[in-house]
């Protein structure tokens, strides 16, 4: 939804105008305000309604995070195994 909104806003702009559109959005104050607004919306949608979804967010987010942390090590291991098989090592 947010990407669609941004696209519709910059669609009619000239290329020279686009940096001027994004520059205020990259300020510290704008990022803090947007983050606070997002947290307030999350709190209103999930926490105040006693939803179980935040638990799912933590569980699935934790699984994804642990997978991404372990991925480089696993890829190295598989590459080493493939290399050893190609060269006849056990």
C-alpha atoms as a PDB file:
ATOM      1  CA  UNK A   1       0.000   0.000   0.000  1.00  0.00           C
ATOM      2  CA  UNK A   2       2.728   2.471   0.917  1.00  0.00           C
ATOM      3  CA  UNK A   3       4.680   1.734  -2.253  1.00  0.00           C
ATOM      4  CA  UNK A   4       1.556   2.283  -4.335  1.00  0.00           C
ATOM      5  CA  UNK A   5       0.984   5.642  -2.623  1.00  0.00           C
ATOM      6  CA  UNK A   6       4.583   6.744  -3.205  1.00  0.00           C
ATOM      7  CA  UNK A   7       4.455   5.608  -6.822  1.00  0.00           C
ATOM      8  CA  UNK A   8       1.252   7.514  -7.487  1.00  0.00           C
ATOM      9  CA  UNK A   9       2.764  10.647  -5.922  1.00  0.00           C
ATOM     10  CA  UNK A  10       6.022  10.585  -7.891  1.00  0.00           C
ATOM     11  CA  UNK A  11       4.509   9.329 -11.142  1.00  0.00           C
ATOM     12  CA  UNK A  12       3.802  12.825 -12.444  1.00  0.00           C
ATOM     13  CA  UNK A  13       7.053  14.412 -11.226  1.00  0.00           C
ATOM     14  CA  UNK A  14      10.070  15.248 -13.294  1.00  0.00           C
ATOM     15  CA  UNK A  15      13.292  13.464 -12.392  1.00  0.00           C
ATOM     16  CA  UNK A  16      14.798  16.627 -10.906  1.00  0.00           C
ATOM     17  CA  UNK A  17      11.880  16.890  -8.438  1.00  0.00           C
ATOM     18  CA  UNK A  18      12.147  13.342  -7.038  1.00  0.00           C
ATOM     19  CA  UNK A  19      15.144  13.932  -4.688  1.00  0.00           C
ATOM     20  CA  UNK A  20      13.342  16.950  -3.243  1.00  0.00           C
ATOM     21  CA  UNK A  21      10.345  14.714  -2.545  1.00  0.00           C
ATOM     22  CA  UNK A  22      12.382  12.046  -0.731  1.00  0.00           C
ATOM     23  CA  UNK A  23      14.853  14.268   1.140  1.00  0.00           C
ATOM     24  CA  UNK A  24      12.426  15.343   3.911  1.00  0.00           C
ATOM     25  CA  UNK A  25      11.440  11.690   4.398  1.00  0.00           C
ATOM     26  CA  UNK A  26      15.022  10.777   5.263  1.00  0.00           C
ATOM     27  CA  UNK A  27      15.340  13.199   8.154  1.00  0.00           C
ATOM     28  CA  UNK A  28      15.713  11.860  11.700  1.00  0.00           C
ATOM     29  CA  UNK A  29      12.536  13.579  12.866  1.00  0.00           C
ATOM     30  CA  UNK A  30      10.438  12.105  10.049  1.00  0.00           C
ATOM     31  CA  UNK A  31      11.804   8.600  10.671  1.00  0.00           C
ATOM     32  CA  UNK A  32      11.100   8.888  14.419  1.00  0.00           C
ATOM     33  CA  UNK A  33       7.577  10.169  13.778  1.00  0.00           C
ATOM     34  CA  UNK A  34       6.864   7.418  11.236  1.00  0.00           C
ATOM     35  CA  UNK A  35       8.226   4.734  13.562  1.00  0.00           C
ATOM     36  CA  UNK A  36       6.129   6.013  16.455  1.00  0.00           C
ATOM     37  CA  UNK A  37       3.034   6.124  14.246  1.00  0.00           C
ATOM     38  CA  UNK A  38       3.695   2.529  13.119  1.00  0.00           C
ATOM     39  CA  UNK A  39       4.150   1.338  16.704  1.00  0.00           C
ATOM     40  CA  UNK A  40       0.959   3.126  17.754  1.00  0.00           C
ATOM     41  CA  UNK A  41      -0.953   1.482  14.898  1.00  0.00           C
ATOM     42  CA  UNK A  42       0.478  -1.939  15.816  1.00  0.00           C
ATOM     43  CA  UNK A  43      -0.467  -1.431  19.459  1.00  0.00           C
ATOM     44  CA  UNK A  44      -4.002  -0.408  18.553  1.00  0.00           C
ATOM     45  CA  UNK A  45      -4.457  -3.277  16.094  1.00  0.00           C
ATOM     46  CA  UNK A  46      -2.941  -6.170  18.051  1.00  0.00           C
ATOM     47  CA  UNK A  47      -2.175  -5.343  21.677  1.00  0.00           C
ATOM     48  CA  UNK A  48      -5.355  -3.538  22.675  1.00  0.00           C
ATOM     49  CA  UNK A  49      -7.520  -6.208  21.033  1.00  0.00           C
ATOM     50  CA  UNK A  50      -5.829  -9.036  23.007  1.00  0.00           C
ATOM     51  CA  UNK A  51      -4.880 -10.739  19.763  1.00  0.00           C
ATOM     52  CA  UNK A  52      -2.562 -13.750  19.715  1.00  0.00           C
ATOM     53  CA  UNK A  53      -0.891 -12.531  16.509  1.00  0.00           C
ATOM     54  CA  UNK A  54       2.008 -10.727  18.274  1.00  0.00           C
ATOM     55  CA  UNK A  55       3.072 -14.130  19.613  1.00  0.00           C
ATOM     56  CA  UNK A  56       3.064 -15.467  16.054  1.00  0.00           C
ATOM     57  CA  UNK A  57       5.065 -12.441  14.912  1.00  0.00           C
ATOM     58  CA  UNK A  58       7.713 -13.148  17.552  1.00  0.00           C
ATOM     59  CA  UNK A  59       7.850 -16.887  16.813  1.00  0.00           C
ATOM     60  CA  UNK A  60       8.016 -16.598  13.037  1.00  0.00           C
ATOM     61  CA  UNK A  61      10.289 -13.557  13.199  1.00  0.00           C
ATOM     62  CA  UNK A  62      12.648 -15.464  15.491  1.00  0.00           C
ATOM     63  CA  UNK A  63      12.692 -18.454  13.151  1.00  0.00           C
ATOM     64  CA  UNK A  64      13.394 -16.257  10.123  1.00  0.00           C
ATOM     65  CA  UNK A  65      16.106 -14.338  11.992  1.00  0.00           C
ATOM     66  CA  UNK A  66      17.840 -17.527  13.169  1.00  0.00           C
ATOM     67  CA  UNK A  67      17.653 -18.964   9.647  1.00  0.00           C
ATOM     68  CA  UNK A  68      19.236 -15.828   8.175  1.00  0.00           C
ATOM     69  CA  UNK A  69      21.978 -15.806  10.821  1.00  0.00           C
ATOM     70  CA  UNK A  70      22.821 -19.463  10.183  1.00  0.00           C
ATOM     71  CA  UNK A  71      22.549 -19.255   6.391  1.00  0.00           C
ATOM     72  CA  UNK A  72      26.125 -18.103   5.601  1.00  0.00           C
ATOM     73  CA  UNK A  73      27.611 -20.871   7.743  1.00  0.00           C
ATOM     74  CA  UNK A  74      25.352 -23.479   6.150  1.00  0.00           C
ATOM     75  CA  UNK A  75      26.231 -22.291   2.649  1.00  0.00           C
ATOM     76  CA  UNK A  76      29.950 -22.510   3.474  1.00  0.00           C
ATOM     77  CA  UNK A  77      29.436 -26.036   4.801  1.00  0.00           C
ATOM     78  CA  UNK A  78      27.548 -27.157   1.682  1.00  0.00           C
ATOM     79  CA  UNK A  79      30.102 -25.559  -0.640  1.00  0.00           C
ATOM     80  CA  UNK A  80      32.938 -27.324   1.222  1.00  0.00           C
ATOM     81  CA  UNK A  81      31.058 -30.631   1.009  1.00  0.00           C
ATOM     82  CA  UNK A  82      30.457 -30.176  -2.740  1.00  0.00           C
ATOM     83  CA  UNK A  83      34.092 -29.286  -3.310  1.00  0.00           C
ATOM     84  CA  UNK A  84      35.265 -32.346  -1.368  1.00  0.00           C
ATOM     85  CA  UNK A  85      32.975 -34.630  -3.375  1.00  0.00           C
ATOM     86  CA  UNK A  86      34.276 -33.225  -6.658  1.00  0.00           C
ATOM     87  CA  UNK A  87      37.877 -33.861  -5.644  1.00  0.00           C
ATOM     88  CA  UNK A  88      37.332 -37.327  -4.182  1.00  0.00           C
ATOM     89  CA  UNK A  89      37.754 -36.500  -0.506  1.00  0.00           C
ATOM     90  CA  UNK A  90      35.545 -38.043   2.132  1.00  0.00           C
END
